[in-house]
N, C-alpha and C. Protein backbone atom coordinates (compact mmCIF):
# COMPACT_ATOMS: atom_id res chain seq x y z
N UNK A 1 0.84 -1.17 0.00
CA UNK A 1 0.00 0.00 0.00
C UNK A 1 0.89 1.24 0.00
N UNK A 2 0.46 2.20 -0.73
CA UNK A 2 1.20 3.45 -0.81
C UNK A 2 1.27 4.11 0.57
N UNK A 3 2.43 4.62 0.93
CA UNK A 3 2.65 5.22 2.25
C UNK A 3 1.74 6.43 2.48
N UNK A 4 1.41 7.17 1.45
CA UNK A 4 0.55 8.34 1.59
C UNK A 4 -0.88 7.94 1.90
N UNK A 5 -1.36 6.88 1.24
CA UNK A 5 -2.71 6.38 1.50
C UNK A 5 -2.79 5.85 2.93
N UNK A 6 -1.75 5.15 3.36
CA UNK A 6 -1.73 4.63 4.73
C UNK A 6 -1.76 5.77 5.74
N UNK A 7 -1.03 6.84 5.48
CA UNK A 7 -1.04 8.00 6.37
C UNK A 7 -2.42 8.65 6.44
N UNK A 8 -3.11 8.73 5.30
CA UNK A 8 -4.45 9.32 5.27
C UNK A 8 -5.42 8.45 6.05
N UNK A 9 -5.34 7.12 5.88
CA UNK A 9 -6.21 6.20 6.63
C UNK A 9 -5.93 6.31 8.12
N UNK A 10 -4.67 6.36 8.50
CA UNK A 10 -4.31 6.50 9.91
C UNK A 10 -4.80 7.82 10.49
N UNK A 11 -4.80 8.85 9.67
CA UNK A 11 -5.26 10.16 10.11
C UNK A 11 -6.76 10.15 10.43
N UNK A 12 -7.57 9.48 9.59
CA UNK A 12 -9.02 9.49 9.75
C UNK A 12 -9.55 8.34 10.60
N UNK A 13 -8.72 7.36 10.98
CA UNK A 13 -9.18 6.20 11.75
C UNK A 13 -9.91 6.58 13.05
N UNK A 14 -9.43 7.53 13.84
CA UNK A 14 -10.16 7.88 15.07
C UNK A 14 -11.54 8.49 14.81
N UNK A 15 -11.78 8.95 13.60
CA UNK A 15 -13.04 9.60 13.27
C UNK A 15 -14.15 8.61 12.91
N UNK A 16 -13.82 7.34 12.62
CA UNK A 16 -14.82 6.37 12.17
C UNK A 16 -15.96 6.16 13.17
N UNK A 17 -15.71 5.98 14.48
CA UNK A 17 -16.85 5.84 15.41
C UNK A 17 -17.74 7.08 15.44
N UNK A 18 -17.15 8.23 15.33
CA UNK A 18 -17.92 9.47 15.31
C UNK A 18 -18.80 9.53 14.06
N UNK A 19 -18.28 9.09 12.94
CA UNK A 19 -19.05 9.07 11.70
C UNK A 19 -20.23 8.09 11.82
N UNK A 20 -20.01 6.92 12.41
CA UNK A 20 -21.09 5.95 12.59
C UNK A 20 -22.18 6.51 13.52
N UNK A 21 -21.77 7.17 14.59
CA UNK A 21 -22.71 7.80 15.51
C UNK A 21 -23.52 8.87 14.78
N UNK A 22 -22.86 9.66 13.96
CA UNK A 22 -23.50 10.72 13.19
C UNK A 22 -24.51 10.14 12.20
N UNK A 23 -24.14 9.08 11.51
CA UNK A 23 -25.04 8.43 10.55
C UNK A 23 -26.27 7.88 11.27
N UNK A 24 -26.08 7.34 12.48
CA UNK A 24 -27.21 6.85 13.26
C UNK A 24 -28.21 7.95 13.59
N UNK A 25 -27.71 9.11 14.03
CA UNK A 25 -28.61 10.22 14.36
C UNK A 25 -29.25 10.82 13.12
N UNK A 26 -28.54 10.85 12.00
CA UNK A 26 -29.14 11.32 10.75
C UNK A 26 -30.31 10.41 10.38
N UNK A 27 -30.10 9.10 10.51
CA UNK A 27 -31.16 8.13 10.19
C UNK A 27 -32.36 8.32 11.10
N UNK A 28 -32.12 8.44 12.40
CA UNK A 28 -33.23 8.66 13.34
C UNK A 28 -33.99 9.94 13.02
N UNK A 29 -33.26 11.00 12.71
CA UNK A 29 -33.89 12.28 12.39
C UNK A 29 -34.78 12.16 11.16
N UNK A 30 -34.26 11.54 10.12
CA UNK A 30 -35.01 11.40 8.87
C UNK A 30 -36.25 10.53 9.06
N UNK A 31 -36.09 9.39 9.73
CA UNK A 31 -37.21 8.47 9.94
C UNK A 31 -38.29 9.12 10.80
N UNK A 32 -37.89 9.78 11.88
CA UNK A 32 -38.86 10.43 12.77
C UNK A 32 -39.61 11.54 12.03
N UNK A 33 -38.92 12.30 11.21
CA UNK A 33 -39.59 13.37 10.45
C UNK A 33 -40.61 12.80 9.47
N UNK A 34 -40.25 11.71 8.81
CA UNK A 34 -41.18 11.08 7.87
C UNK A 34 -42.39 10.49 8.59
N UNK A 35 -42.16 9.84 9.74
CA UNK A 35 -43.26 9.27 10.51
C UNK A 35 -44.17 10.38 11.06
N UNK A 36 -43.58 11.49 11.49
CA UNK A 36 -44.38 12.59 12.02
C UNK A 36 -45.33 13.12 10.95
N UNK A 37 -44.82 13.29 9.77
CA UNK A 37 -45.67 13.77 8.66
C UNK A 37 -46.80 12.78 8.39
N UNK A 38 -46.47 11.51 8.40
CA UNK A 38 -47.44 10.48 8.06
C UNK A 38 -48.50 10.29 9.16
N UNK A 39 -48.06 10.21 10.42
CA UNK A 39 -48.97 9.82 11.50
C UNK A 39 -49.50 10.98 12.34
N UNK A 40 -48.90 12.15 12.26
CA UNK A 40 -49.33 13.26 13.12
C UNK A 40 -49.91 14.43 12.33
N UNK A 41 -49.60 14.55 11.07
CA UNK A 41 -50.16 15.61 10.23
C UNK A 41 -50.53 15.03 8.87
N UNK A 42 -51.58 14.21 8.82
CA UNK A 42 -51.96 13.60 7.54
C UNK A 42 -52.32 14.65 6.49
N UNK A 43 -52.04 14.33 5.23
CA UNK A 43 -52.32 15.27 4.13
C UNK A 43 -53.74 15.07 3.61
N UNK A 44 -54.68 15.62 4.31
CA UNK A 44 -56.08 15.57 3.87
C UNK A 44 -56.86 16.60 4.68
N UNK A 45 -58.08 16.80 4.29
CA UNK A 45 -58.93 17.73 5.04
C UNK A 45 -59.19 17.16 6.43
N UNK A 46 -59.40 15.85 6.51
CA UNK A 46 -59.58 15.20 7.81
C UNK A 46 -58.33 15.36 8.66
N UNK A 47 -57.15 15.23 8.04
CA UNK A 47 -55.90 15.41 8.75
C UNK A 47 -55.75 16.81 9.32
N UNK A 48 -56.25 17.79 8.60
CA UNK A 48 -56.22 19.17 9.08
C UNK A 48 -57.03 19.31 10.36
N UNK A 49 -58.21 18.70 10.38
CA UNK A 49 -59.08 18.82 11.55
C UNK A 49 -58.63 17.96 12.73
N UNK A 50 -57.99 16.85 12.45
CA UNK A 50 -57.58 15.95 13.54
C UNK A 50 -56.18 16.26 14.07
N UNK A 51 -55.40 17.06 13.35
CA UNK A 51 -54.02 17.32 13.77
C UNK A 51 -53.91 17.96 15.15
N UNK A 52 -54.83 18.82 15.61
CA UNK A 52 -54.69 19.33 16.98
C UNK A 52 -54.80 18.22 18.03
N UNK A 53 -55.57 17.18 17.74
CA UNK A 53 -55.70 16.07 18.68
C UNK A 53 -54.51 15.12 18.57
N UNK A 54 -54.02 14.94 17.36
CA UNK A 54 -52.87 14.05 17.17
C UNK A 54 -51.58 14.65 17.70
N UNK A 55 -51.47 15.97 17.63
CA UNK A 55 -50.20 16.61 18.03
C UNK A 55 -49.87 16.40 19.50
N UNK A 56 -50.86 16.15 20.33
CA UNK A 56 -50.61 15.91 21.75
C UNK A 56 -50.57 14.41 22.10
N UNK A 57 -50.72 13.56 21.10
CA UNK A 57 -50.68 12.11 21.33
C UNK A 57 -49.25 11.69 21.70
N UNK A 58 -49.12 10.63 22.49
CA UNK A 58 -47.78 10.21 22.94
C UNK A 58 -46.80 9.90 21.80
N UNK A 59 -47.28 9.25 20.74
CA UNK A 59 -46.36 8.92 19.65
C UNK A 59 -45.89 10.18 18.92
N UNK A 60 -46.73 11.19 18.81
CA UNK A 60 -46.32 12.44 18.17
C UNK A 60 -45.35 13.22 19.06
N UNK A 61 -45.58 13.18 20.38
CA UNK A 61 -44.62 13.81 21.30
C UNK A 61 -43.26 13.14 21.21
N UNK A 62 -43.25 11.81 21.13
CA UNK A 62 -41.98 11.08 21.03
C UNK A 62 -41.27 11.42 19.72
N UNK A 63 -42.02 11.48 18.63
CA UNK A 63 -41.40 11.80 17.33
C UNK A 63 -40.85 13.23 17.33
N UNK A 64 -41.60 14.18 17.93
CA UNK A 64 -41.12 15.56 18.02
C UNK A 64 -39.86 15.65 18.86
N UNK A 65 -39.81 14.87 19.94
CA UNK A 65 -38.62 14.86 20.79
C UNK A 65 -37.42 14.34 20.01
N UNK A 66 -37.61 13.27 19.26
CA UNK A 66 -36.50 12.71 18.45
C UNK A 66 -36.03 13.73 17.42
N UNK A 67 -36.96 14.40 16.77
CA UNK A 67 -36.60 15.40 15.76
C UNK A 67 -35.81 16.55 16.40
N UNK A 68 -36.29 17.04 17.54
CA UNK A 68 -35.62 18.15 18.21
C UNK A 68 -34.24 17.74 18.71
N UNK A 69 -34.15 16.63 19.43
CA UNK A 69 -32.88 16.20 20.01
C UNK A 69 -31.87 15.82 18.92
N UNK A 70 -32.34 15.15 17.88
CA UNK A 70 -31.40 14.78 16.82
C UNK A 70 -30.88 16.02 16.10
N UNK A 71 -31.72 17.03 15.95
CA UNK A 71 -31.25 18.29 15.36
C UNK A 71 -30.17 18.93 16.20
N UNK A 72 -30.36 18.92 17.52
CA UNK A 72 -29.35 19.48 18.42
C UNK A 72 -28.06 18.67 18.37
N UNK A 73 -28.19 17.36 18.34
CA UNK A 73 -27.01 16.50 18.28
C UNK A 73 -26.28 16.66 16.95
N UNK A 74 -27.02 16.78 15.87
CA UNK A 74 -26.38 16.97 14.56
C UNK A 74 -25.61 18.29 14.52
N UNK A 75 -26.16 19.33 15.12
CA UNK A 75 -25.45 20.60 15.20
C UNK A 75 -24.15 20.44 16.00
N UNK A 76 -24.26 19.78 17.13
CA UNK A 76 -23.07 19.53 17.95
C UNK A 76 -22.05 18.65 17.24
N UNK A 77 -22.52 17.71 16.46
CA UNK A 77 -21.61 16.84 15.73
C UNK A 77 -20.83 17.62 14.67
N UNK A 78 -21.48 18.56 14.01
CA UNK A 78 -20.76 19.39 13.03
C UNK A 78 -19.66 20.18 13.73
N UNK A 79 -19.97 20.73 14.89
CA UNK A 79 -18.96 21.49 15.64
C UNK A 79 -17.83 20.58 16.11
N UNK A 80 -18.17 19.39 16.59
CA UNK A 80 -17.14 18.44 17.04
C UNK A 80 -16.24 18.01 15.89
N UNK A 81 -16.85 17.70 14.76
CA UNK A 81 -16.05 17.27 13.61
C UNK A 81 -15.13 18.38 13.12
N UNK A 82 -15.65 19.59 13.07
CA UNK A 82 -14.82 20.71 12.62
C UNK A 82 -13.67 20.97 13.59
N UNK A 83 -13.95 20.90 14.88
CA UNK A 83 -12.92 21.13 15.89
C UNK A 83 -11.85 20.05 15.82
N UNK A 84 -12.29 18.79 15.72
CA UNK A 84 -11.34 17.68 15.63
C UNK A 84 -10.47 17.80 14.38
N UNK A 85 -11.12 18.11 13.27
CA UNK A 85 -10.40 18.20 12.00
C UNK A 85 -9.35 19.31 12.04
N UNK A 86 -9.71 20.48 12.52
CA UNK A 86 -8.78 21.59 12.58
C UNK A 86 -7.64 21.28 13.55
N UNK A 87 -7.96 20.73 14.70
CA UNK A 87 -6.93 20.41 15.69
C UNK A 87 -5.94 19.37 15.14
N UNK A 88 -6.44 18.40 14.41
CA UNK A 88 -5.56 17.36 13.89
C UNK A 88 -4.81 17.79 12.64
N UNK A 89 -5.36 18.66 11.87
CA UNK A 89 -4.62 19.20 10.71
C UNK A 89 -3.44 20.02 11.20
N UNK A 90 -3.65 20.79 12.26
CA UNK A 90 -2.58 21.66 12.76
C UNK A 90 -1.46 20.88 13.42
N UNK A 91 -1.76 19.69 13.95
CA UNK A 91 -0.76 18.92 14.67
C UNK A 91 -0.31 17.64 13.94
N UNK A 92 -0.75 17.43 12.70
CA UNK A 92 -0.44 16.21 11.99
C UNK A 92 1.00 16.21 11.49
N UNK A 93 1.70 15.11 11.76
CA UNK A 93 3.05 14.93 11.23
C UNK A 93 3.13 13.55 10.58
N UNK A 94 3.42 13.48 9.29
CA UNK A 94 3.51 12.18 8.60
C UNK A 94 4.65 11.35 9.16
N UNK A 95 4.50 10.04 9.12
CA UNK A 95 5.52 9.13 9.64
C UNK A 95 6.61 8.90 8.61
């Protein structure tokens, strides 16, 4: 294997668990948003009238919580990734 490719892989290896964690939260955020649209705000005239009752239902509260928390975590993950990347670029020395 080329020494430069090995150095790049070694550089990004500590980031792999963070990437998997990030992908998990992205998936939860997307799925919860799609379920919320489907089960808490149906696209129909009936859905318009029933949405005030559905919005306080336990499953809609749980989906809203997932959407809110995952959004906060995704924001924090962007900051963590940027901080890690900058810190490691500034201190990286090839072998």
